[in-house]
Amino acid sequence: MIVGSDISRYPNTPRPTCRGYLHKRTQSAILKGWRKRWFVLKHNGCLHYYKHKKDEGKCRPLEVTKLEGAEIGVDTSLGKPFVFKCIPQAGNRIFYFCATSNQEMKRWLEAMDKAVHP
């Protein structure tokens, strides 16, 4: 799904396969809870995230995670609706994401699944 297009300015740049706001679970020693972040899933299977939508293309992403070979799926263990998790192959981290609706969650899971199995 593409919303808006800057194809005329950058005709050879592939558009991201999926982008939008998700809530990401924070598990640091200082902060715990959910933070709203702007996520961009690129054609190369890398998931980038930024603090705000306006930061995309202007700032470096807060983190970039390669999804190839990752384990993704719906997660009901947190007792919150529309939660899904991603366990990248590299590293020992689990990402928990929360979408605003079931439809939004399915859109992300479908796009991530394509990145996991290119």
Protein backbone atom coordinates (compact mmCIF):
# COMPACT_ATOMS: atom_id res chain seq x y z
CA MET A 1 0.00 0.00 0.00
CA ILE A 2 1.50 3.33 -1.06
CA VAL A 3 0.23 6.57 0.38
CA GLY A 4 1.55 9.52 -1.62
CA SER A 5 4.49 9.19 -3.95
CA ASP A 6 7.77 10.90 -4.62
CA ILE A 7 8.56 8.65 -7.60
CA SER A 8 9.03 11.64 -9.90
CA ARG A 9 11.89 13.00 -7.77
CA TYR A 10 13.61 9.64 -7.23
CA PRO A 11 12.48 7.33 -10.06
CA ASN A 12 15.05 4.57 -9.36
CA THR A 13 14.55 4.36 -5.59
CA PRO A 14 12.26 1.48 -4.56
CA ARG A 15 9.55 2.59 -2.19
CA PRO A 16 9.35 0.88 1.21
CA THR A 17 7.15 -2.20 1.30
CA CYS A 18 5.45 -1.05 4.51
CA ARG A 19 5.57 2.02 6.72
CA GLY A 20 3.58 3.46 9.58
CA TYR A 21 3.34 4.03 13.30
CA LEU A 22 3.50 1.10 15.70
CA HIS A 23 3.98 0.99 19.45
CA LYS A 24 7.22 -0.76 20.41
CA ARG A 25 7.66 -2.29 23.83
CA THR A 26 10.55 -0.79 25.77
CA GLN A 27 12.40 -3.04 28.19
CA SER A 28 15.42 -1.00 29.23
CA ALA A 29 16.64 -0.82 32.82
CA ILE A 30 15.29 2.73 33.11
CA LEU A 31 12.21 2.76 30.87
CA LYS A 32 9.45 0.19 30.62
CA GLY A 33 6.26 0.43 28.60
CA TRP A 34 5.19 1.20 25.03
CA ARG A 35 6.60 3.95 22.79
CA LYS A 36 5.05 5.12 19.55
CA ARG A 37 7.61 4.93 16.73
CA TRP A 38 7.61 5.36 12.94
CA PHE A 39 8.59 2.09 11.22
CA VAL A 40 9.77 1.62 7.65
CA LEU A 41 10.24 -1.84 6.16
CA LYS A 42 12.55 -1.53 3.16
CA HIS A 43 12.76 -3.79 0.08
CA ASN A 44 16.08 -5.18 1.32
CA GLY A 45 14.28 -6.74 4.31
CA CYS A 46 15.59 -4.23 6.85
CA LEU A 47 13.21 -2.72 9.38
CA HIS A 48 14.14 0.87 10.27
CA TYR A 49 12.50 2.90 12.98
CA TYR A 50 12.46 6.54 13.91
CA LYS A 51 11.07 8.61 16.74
CA HIS A 52 8.72 10.50 14.36
CA LYS A 53 7.46 10.22 10.77
CA LYS A 54 9.21 13.49 9.88
CA ASP A 55 12.60 11.97 10.82
CA GLU A 56 12.51 9.46 7.95
CA GLY A 57 15.01 10.58 5.34
CA LYS A 58 16.31 13.42 7.55
CA CYS A 59 17.79 11.60 10.53
CA ARG A 60 19.52 8.28 11.02
CA PRO A 61 17.13 5.57 12.18
CA LEU A 62 17.15 4.73 15.89
CA GLU A 63 17.78 1.13 14.86
CA VAL A 64 17.94 -1.06 11.76
CA THR A 65 17.08 -4.76 12.03
CA LYS A 66 17.50 -7.34 9.26
CA LEU A 67 14.37 -9.52 9.16
CA GLU A 68 15.61 -12.34 6.91
CA GLY A 69 15.27 -15.60 8.83
CA ALA A 70 13.51 -13.92 11.77
CA GLU A 71 10.63 -15.50 13.65
CA ILE A 72 7.46 -13.38 13.57
CA GLY A 73 3.93 -13.92 14.78
CA VAL A 74 1.00 -12.82 16.89
CA ASP A 75 1.69 -12.69 20.63
CA THR A 76 -1.03 -13.06 23.27
CA SER A 77 1.26 -13.37 26.31
CA LEU A 78 1.12 -9.63 27.13
CA GLY A 79 -2.69 -9.52 27.43
CA LYS A 80 -2.96 -6.65 24.95
CA PRO A 81 -4.76 -6.76 21.56
CA PHE A 82 -2.96 -6.46 18.20
CA VAL A 83 0.46 -7.40 19.59
CA PHE A 84 2.99 -9.26 17.48
CA LYS A 85 6.62 -10.11 18.00
CA CYS A 86 9.75 -10.38 15.93
CA ILE A 87 12.79 -12.42 16.93
CA PRO A 88 15.64 -11.60 14.52
CA GLN A 89 18.10 -14.37 13.64
CA ALA A 90 21.06 -12.23 14.68
CA GLY A 91 21.22 -11.17 18.32
CA ASN A 92 19.22 -12.29 21.32
CA ARG A 93 16.50 -9.66 21.29
CA ILE A 94 12.73 -9.94 21.00
CA PHE A 95 10.81 -7.00 19.56
CA TYR A 96 7.18 -6.59 20.61
CA PHE A 97 4.98 -4.37 18.46
CA CYS A 98 1.41 -3.20 18.98
CA ALA A 99 -0.75 -2.08 16.06
CA THR A 100 -3.88 0.08 16.29
CA SER A 101 -6.16 -2.53 14.70
CA ASN A 102 -6.31 -6.15 13.59
CA GLN A 103 -6.17 -5.00 9.95
CA GLU A 104 -3.01 -2.95 10.61
CA MET A 105 -1.40 -5.87 12.45
CA LYS A 106 -2.14 -8.22 9.53
CA ARG A 107 -0.68 -5.69 7.05
CA TRP A 108 2.60 -5.60 9.01
CA LEU A 109 2.75 -9.37 9.55
CA GLU A 110 2.22 -9.98 5.83
CA ALA A 111 4.93 -7.47 4.84
CA MET A 112 7.36 -8.81 7.48
CA ASP A 113 6.70 -12.40 6.39
CA LYS A 114 7.81 -11.49 2.87
CA ALA A 115 11.02 -9.97 4.32
CA VAL A 116 11.64 -13.06 6.48
CA HIS A 117 11.34 -15.39 3.46
CA PRO A 118 12.66 -13.37 0.48
